[in-house]
């Protein structure tokens, strides 16, 4: 009996597909700026820039957007640092309550639409 050629053929056919998926993900996740744990990606910047701008205008608008994003993130970070422990706890509690309310609404909508509740 001869060796089956199927596994090698399959591997060679799937390699280009695998590499295209890997590189496609990387192109969407190009970081432009980082403040703390927050990252501004190229895809977000591209989503706010109009397509019909000249190269120079695109560069100016992109630089302005990045500067504003960094400034906003730094202000949020500093504001969080300036909160007292009680304010932070209250803020965390509000976030948890908001998350719980969203989950409850999602479950209610599923029940109303006759779907089983699976979260």
Foldseek 3Di string as FASTA:
>chain_A
DDDDPVVVVVCVVCVVVVVVVVVVVVQQAAFDDDDDPDTDGPVVLVVPDDPPDDPVVSVVVSVVVVVVVNVVSVVVVVVQVPDDPVVNVVVVVVVVVVVVVVLVVVCVVCVVVVHDDDD
